[in-house]
N, C-alpha and C. Protein backbone atom coordinates (compact mmCIF):
# COMPACT_ATOMS: atom_id res chain seq x y z
N MET A 1 131.93 116.81 109.58
CA MET A 1 131.78 115.45 109.13
C MET A 1 130.81 115.44 107.95
N GLY A 2 131.23 114.98 106.81
CA GLY A 2 130.39 114.94 105.61
C GLY A 2 129.74 113.60 105.40
N PHE A 3 128.77 113.59 104.51
CA PHE A 3 128.09 112.34 104.16
C PHE A 3 128.65 111.84 102.85
N LYS A 4 129.04 110.58 102.83
CA LYS A 4 129.59 110.01 101.61
C LYS A 4 128.50 109.96 100.55
N GLY A 5 128.85 110.36 99.35
CA GLY A 5 127.92 110.30 98.24
C GLY A 5 126.95 111.46 98.16
N MET A 6 126.94 112.36 99.13
CA MET A 6 126.00 113.47 99.12
C MET A 6 126.55 114.65 98.32
N GLY A 7 127.83 114.75 98.20
CA GLY A 7 128.42 115.80 97.37
C GLY A 7 128.35 117.18 97.97
N GLY A 8 128.14 117.32 99.24
CA GLY A 8 128.15 118.63 99.87
C GLY A 8 126.77 119.27 99.90
N GLY A 9 126.72 120.50 100.38
CA GLY A 9 125.48 121.23 100.57
C GLY A 9 124.77 121.63 99.29
N GLY A 10 125.51 121.72 98.19
CA GLY A 10 124.89 122.13 96.92
C GLY A 10 123.80 121.16 96.48
N ASN A 11 124.06 119.88 96.63
CA ASN A 11 123.06 118.89 96.25
C ASN A 11 121.82 118.96 97.13
N MET A 12 122.02 119.22 98.41
CA MET A 12 120.88 119.31 99.33
C MET A 12 120.03 120.51 98.95
N SER A 13 120.67 121.61 98.63
CA SER A 13 119.95 122.81 98.21
C SER A 13 119.16 122.54 96.93
N GLN A 14 119.77 121.85 96.00
CA GLN A 14 119.10 121.51 94.74
C GLN A 14 117.91 120.58 94.99
N MET A 15 118.08 119.62 95.90
CA MET A 15 116.99 118.70 96.22
C MET A 15 115.82 119.45 96.85
N LEU A 16 116.12 120.41 97.71
CA LEU A 16 115.06 121.19 98.34
C LEU A 16 114.31 122.03 97.31
N LYS A 17 115.05 122.60 96.35
CA LYS A 17 114.41 123.38 95.29
C LYS A 17 113.51 122.49 94.44
N GLN A 18 113.98 121.27 94.13
CA GLN A 18 113.17 120.34 93.34
C GLN A 18 111.93 119.93 94.11
N ALA A 19 112.06 119.69 95.40
CA ALA A 19 110.91 119.31 96.23
C ALA A 19 109.89 120.45 96.28
N GLN A 20 110.38 121.67 96.39
CA GLN A 20 109.48 122.82 96.44
C GLN A 20 108.76 122.98 95.11
N LYS A 21 109.49 122.81 93.99
CA LYS A 21 108.86 122.91 92.68
C LYS A 21 107.81 121.81 92.50
N LEU A 22 108.12 120.60 92.93
CA LEU A 22 107.16 119.50 92.83
C LEU A 22 105.91 119.83 93.64
N GLN A 23 106.10 120.38 94.83
CA GLN A 23 104.96 120.73 95.67
C GLN A 23 104.10 121.80 94.99
N GLU A 24 104.74 122.79 94.38
CA GLU A 24 104.00 123.85 93.67
C GLU A 24 103.28 123.27 92.46
N ASP A 25 103.94 122.40 91.71
CA ASP A 25 103.33 121.78 90.54
C ASP A 25 102.13 120.92 90.94
N MET A 26 102.26 120.21 92.04
CA MET A 26 101.16 119.36 92.51
C MET A 26 99.98 120.21 92.96
N ALA A 27 100.22 121.29 93.64
CA ALA A 27 99.15 122.18 94.08
C ALA A 27 98.43 122.77 92.87
N ARG A 28 99.21 123.14 91.85
CA ARG A 28 98.63 123.69 90.62
C ARG A 28 97.77 122.63 89.92
N ALA A 29 98.28 121.41 89.85
CA ALA A 29 97.55 120.32 89.20
C ALA A 29 96.25 120.01 89.95
N GLN A 30 96.30 120.04 91.27
CA GLN A 30 95.09 119.78 92.05
C GLN A 30 94.05 120.86 91.82
N GLU A 31 94.48 122.11 91.68
CA GLU A 31 93.55 123.20 91.38
C GLU A 31 92.94 123.02 89.99
N GLU A 32 93.77 122.62 89.03
CA GLU A 32 93.27 122.39 87.67
C GLU A 32 92.29 121.23 87.63
N LEU A 33 92.55 120.19 88.41
CA LEU A 33 91.65 119.04 88.46
C LEU A 33 90.25 119.43 88.93
N LYS A 34 90.17 120.42 89.79
CA LYS A 34 88.88 120.86 90.30
C LYS A 34 87.98 121.37 89.17
N THR A 35 88.59 121.85 88.07
CA THR A 35 87.80 122.40 86.97
C THR A 35 87.54 121.37 85.87
N ARG A 36 88.20 120.23 85.94
CA ARG A 36 88.01 119.19 84.92
C ARG A 36 86.89 118.26 85.31
N THR A 37 86.26 117.65 84.31
CA THR A 37 85.16 116.74 84.57
C THR A 37 85.29 115.47 83.73
N VAL A 38 84.59 114.44 84.15
CA VAL A 38 84.46 113.20 83.40
C VAL A 38 82.98 112.89 83.31
N GLU A 39 82.62 112.08 82.33
CA GLU A 39 81.22 111.71 82.13
C GLU A 39 81.09 110.20 82.13
N ALA A 40 80.01 109.71 82.71
CA ALA A 40 79.72 108.28 82.72
C ALA A 40 78.22 108.11 82.53
N SER A 41 77.84 106.96 82.00
CA SER A 41 76.41 106.72 81.79
C SER A 41 76.06 105.27 82.07
N ALA A 42 74.77 105.02 82.14
CA ALA A 42 74.26 103.67 82.36
C ALA A 42 72.97 103.52 81.57
N GLY A 43 72.58 102.27 81.36
CA GLY A 43 71.33 102.02 80.66
C GLY A 43 71.36 102.49 79.22
N GLY A 44 72.50 102.36 78.58
CA GLY A 44 72.60 102.80 77.18
C GLY A 44 72.51 104.30 77.02
N GLY A 45 72.86 105.03 78.06
CA GLY A 45 72.87 106.49 77.98
C GLY A 45 71.62 107.16 78.51
N VAL A 46 70.68 106.39 79.08
CA VAL A 46 69.49 107.04 79.62
C VAL A 46 69.76 107.74 80.94
N VAL A 47 70.81 107.35 81.63
CA VAL A 47 71.25 108.04 82.85
C VAL A 47 72.70 108.45 82.62
N THR A 48 72.97 109.74 82.73
CA THR A 48 74.32 110.26 82.52
C THR A 48 74.69 111.15 83.70
N VAL A 49 75.95 111.02 84.11
CA VAL A 49 76.44 111.82 85.22
C VAL A 49 77.76 112.47 84.80
N VAL A 50 77.96 113.71 85.24
CA VAL A 50 79.22 114.42 85.04
C VAL A 50 79.79 114.67 86.43
N VAL A 51 81.04 114.21 86.64
CA VAL A 51 81.70 114.32 87.94
C VAL A 51 82.94 115.18 87.79
N SER A 52 83.16 116.07 88.75
CA SER A 52 84.33 116.95 88.73
C SER A 52 85.54 116.25 89.33
N GLY A 53 86.70 116.85 89.12
CA GLY A 53 87.92 116.37 89.73
C GLY A 53 87.90 116.50 91.25
N LYS A 54 86.92 117.23 91.79
CA LYS A 54 86.73 117.35 93.24
C LYS A 54 85.87 116.20 93.75
N LEU A 55 85.52 115.26 92.84
CA LEU A 55 84.66 114.12 93.15
C LEU A 55 83.27 114.58 93.58
N GLU A 56 82.76 115.61 92.89
CA GLU A 56 81.41 116.10 93.13
C GLU A 56 80.60 115.93 91.84
N ILE A 57 79.34 115.58 92.00
CA ILE A 57 78.46 115.46 90.83
C ILE A 57 78.12 116.86 90.35
N GLU A 58 78.48 117.14 89.12
CA GLU A 58 78.20 118.44 88.52
C GLU A 58 76.86 118.43 87.80
N GLN A 59 76.52 117.27 87.22
CA GLN A 59 75.30 117.18 86.45
C GLN A 59 74.80 115.73 86.47
N LEU A 60 73.49 115.57 86.56
CA LEU A 60 72.86 114.26 86.49
C LEU A 60 71.68 114.39 85.54
N THR A 61 71.69 113.60 84.47
CA THR A 61 70.63 113.66 83.48
C THR A 61 69.94 112.30 83.40
N ILE A 62 68.61 112.33 83.47
CA ILE A 62 67.82 111.11 83.34
C ILE A 62 66.82 111.35 82.22
N LYS A 63 66.92 110.56 81.17
CA LYS A 63 65.99 110.69 80.05
C LYS A 63 64.61 110.17 80.47
N PRO A 64 63.55 110.79 79.97
CA PRO A 64 62.19 110.41 80.37
C PRO A 64 61.89 108.92 80.21
N GLU A 65 62.45 108.29 79.19
CA GLU A 65 62.15 106.87 78.98
C GLU A 65 62.71 105.97 80.09
N ALA A 66 63.60 106.53 80.92
CA ALA A 66 64.15 105.75 82.03
C ALA A 66 63.20 105.73 83.23
N VAL A 67 62.22 106.61 83.21
CA VAL A 67 61.31 106.74 84.34
C VAL A 67 60.09 105.84 84.13
N ASP A 68 60.06 104.76 84.87
CA ASP A 68 58.94 103.82 84.83
C ASP A 68 58.44 103.66 86.26
N PRO A 69 57.28 104.23 86.56
CA PRO A 69 56.76 104.15 87.93
C PRO A 69 56.61 102.70 88.43
N GLU A 70 56.53 101.76 87.51
CA GLU A 70 56.39 100.36 87.87
C GLU A 70 57.74 99.72 88.21
N ASP A 71 58.84 100.41 87.85
CA ASP A 71 60.18 99.82 88.06
C ASP A 71 61.18 100.89 88.51
N VAL A 72 60.89 101.49 89.64
CA VAL A 72 61.76 102.52 90.20
C VAL A 72 63.13 101.93 90.55
N GLU A 73 63.14 100.67 90.94
CA GLU A 73 64.39 100.01 91.33
C GLU A 73 65.40 99.99 90.18
N MET A 74 64.95 99.81 88.96
CA MET A 74 65.87 99.81 87.82
C MET A 74 66.50 101.19 87.64
N LEU A 75 65.70 102.23 87.78
CA LEU A 75 66.23 103.59 87.66
C LEU A 75 67.25 103.85 88.76
N GLU A 76 66.94 103.43 89.97
CA GLU A 76 67.89 103.60 91.08
C GLU A 76 69.21 102.89 90.77
N ASP A 77 69.12 101.69 90.23
CA ASP A 77 70.32 100.94 89.88
C ASP A 77 71.14 101.66 88.80
N MET A 78 70.45 102.20 87.78
CA MET A 78 71.17 102.90 86.72
C MET A 78 71.85 104.16 87.24
N VAL A 79 71.19 104.88 88.13
CA VAL A 79 71.80 106.07 88.72
C VAL A 79 73.03 105.67 89.53
N LYS A 80 72.90 104.62 90.32
CA LYS A 80 74.02 104.15 91.14
C LYS A 80 75.20 103.74 90.25
N VAL A 81 74.94 103.00 89.17
CA VAL A 81 76.00 102.57 88.27
C VAL A 81 76.69 103.78 87.63
N ALA A 82 75.90 104.73 87.15
CA ALA A 82 76.48 105.91 86.48
C ALA A 82 77.32 106.74 87.46
N VAL A 83 76.81 106.94 88.67
CA VAL A 83 77.54 107.74 89.66
C VAL A 83 78.84 107.04 90.05
N ASN A 84 78.77 105.75 90.34
CA ASN A 84 79.99 105.03 90.72
C ASN A 84 81.02 105.02 89.61
N GLU A 85 80.59 104.86 88.36
CA GLU A 85 81.53 104.89 87.24
C GLU A 85 82.12 106.29 87.08
N GLY A 86 81.30 107.31 87.26
CA GLY A 86 81.81 108.68 87.18
C GLY A 86 82.84 108.97 88.26
N LEU A 87 82.59 108.51 89.48
CA LEU A 87 83.55 108.71 90.56
C LEU A 87 84.84 107.95 90.28
N ARG A 88 84.73 106.72 89.75
CA ARG A 88 85.92 105.94 89.42
C ARG A 88 86.75 106.64 88.35
N LYS A 89 86.07 107.17 87.32
CA LYS A 89 86.78 107.88 86.25
C LYS A 89 87.46 109.15 86.77
N ALA A 90 86.78 109.87 87.66
CA ALA A 90 87.36 111.10 88.22
C ALA A 90 88.59 110.78 89.06
N GLN A 91 88.53 109.71 89.85
CA GLN A 91 89.68 109.31 90.64
C GLN A 91 90.84 108.87 89.74
N GLU A 92 90.51 108.17 88.68
CA GLU A 92 91.55 107.73 87.74
C GLU A 92 92.20 108.94 87.07
N MET A 93 91.38 109.92 86.68
CA MET A 93 91.90 111.13 86.06
C MET A 93 92.88 111.84 87.01
N ALA A 94 92.49 111.95 88.28
CA ALA A 94 93.36 112.60 89.27
C ALA A 94 94.64 111.82 89.48
N SER A 95 94.54 110.51 89.56
CA SER A 95 95.73 109.67 89.76
C SER A 95 96.69 109.80 88.59
N LEU A 96 96.16 109.82 87.38
CA LEU A 96 97.02 109.96 86.20
C LEU A 96 97.73 111.30 86.18
N GLU A 97 97.03 112.35 86.55
CA GLU A 97 97.65 113.68 86.57
C GLU A 97 98.76 113.75 87.61
N MET A 98 98.53 113.20 88.78
CA MET A 98 99.55 113.22 89.83
C MET A 98 100.73 112.33 89.43
N ALA A 99 100.46 111.21 88.77
CA ALA A 99 101.54 110.31 88.34
C ALA A 99 102.45 111.00 87.33
N LYS A 100 101.88 111.90 86.51
CA LYS A 100 102.70 112.66 85.56
C LYS A 100 103.74 113.49 86.30
N LEU A 101 103.34 114.04 87.44
CA LEU A 101 104.24 114.91 88.21
C LEU A 101 105.25 114.12 89.02
N THR A 102 104.81 112.99 89.55
CA THR A 102 105.68 112.24 90.46
C THR A 102 106.42 111.12 89.77
N GLY A 103 106.19 110.95 88.48
CA GLY A 103 106.84 109.87 87.75
C GLY A 103 106.38 108.50 88.22
N GLY A 104 105.15 108.43 88.72
CA GLY A 104 104.59 107.18 89.19
C GLY A 104 104.93 106.85 90.63
N LEU A 105 105.73 107.69 91.27
CA LEU A 105 106.10 107.47 92.67
C LEU A 105 104.87 107.67 93.54
N LYS A 106 104.55 106.71 94.37
CA LYS A 106 103.40 106.79 95.28
C LYS A 106 103.78 107.61 96.50
N ILE A 107 103.09 108.73 96.68
CA ILE A 107 103.37 109.60 97.81
C ILE A 107 102.15 109.54 98.73
N PRO A 108 102.32 109.05 99.97
CA PRO A 108 101.20 108.91 100.89
C PRO A 108 100.47 110.23 101.08
N GLY A 109 99.14 110.16 101.11
CA GLY A 109 98.32 111.33 101.35
C GLY A 109 98.03 112.16 100.13
N LEU A 110 98.55 111.76 98.96
CA LEU A 110 98.31 112.55 97.75
C LEU A 110 96.93 112.30 97.19
N LEU A 111 96.60 111.07 96.96
CA LEU A 111 95.27 110.70 96.42
C LEU A 111 94.92 109.32 96.87
């Protein structure tokens, strides 16, 4: 008993090959993302953060003029803003890379 519109086993084999290639391409892209970074800053550049595609902080730079013992709260806020923006940029970078492979198709569990 055949399936209408499926065209026989050849199409299924081709679909499996395409799925396997997509899986390999996605794994390769995820590995490449681990080596890529994004940068974000706050306070006009006095706090800068570099975040990897693994969503890990690679570097955090605070210029001396940002350090005011009388206003530690402002420095904390700038660090928080820079880190959150860096994480958002890294997630966006990863989403864009995966969308290139999937043609924008949302695949659960990918990112």
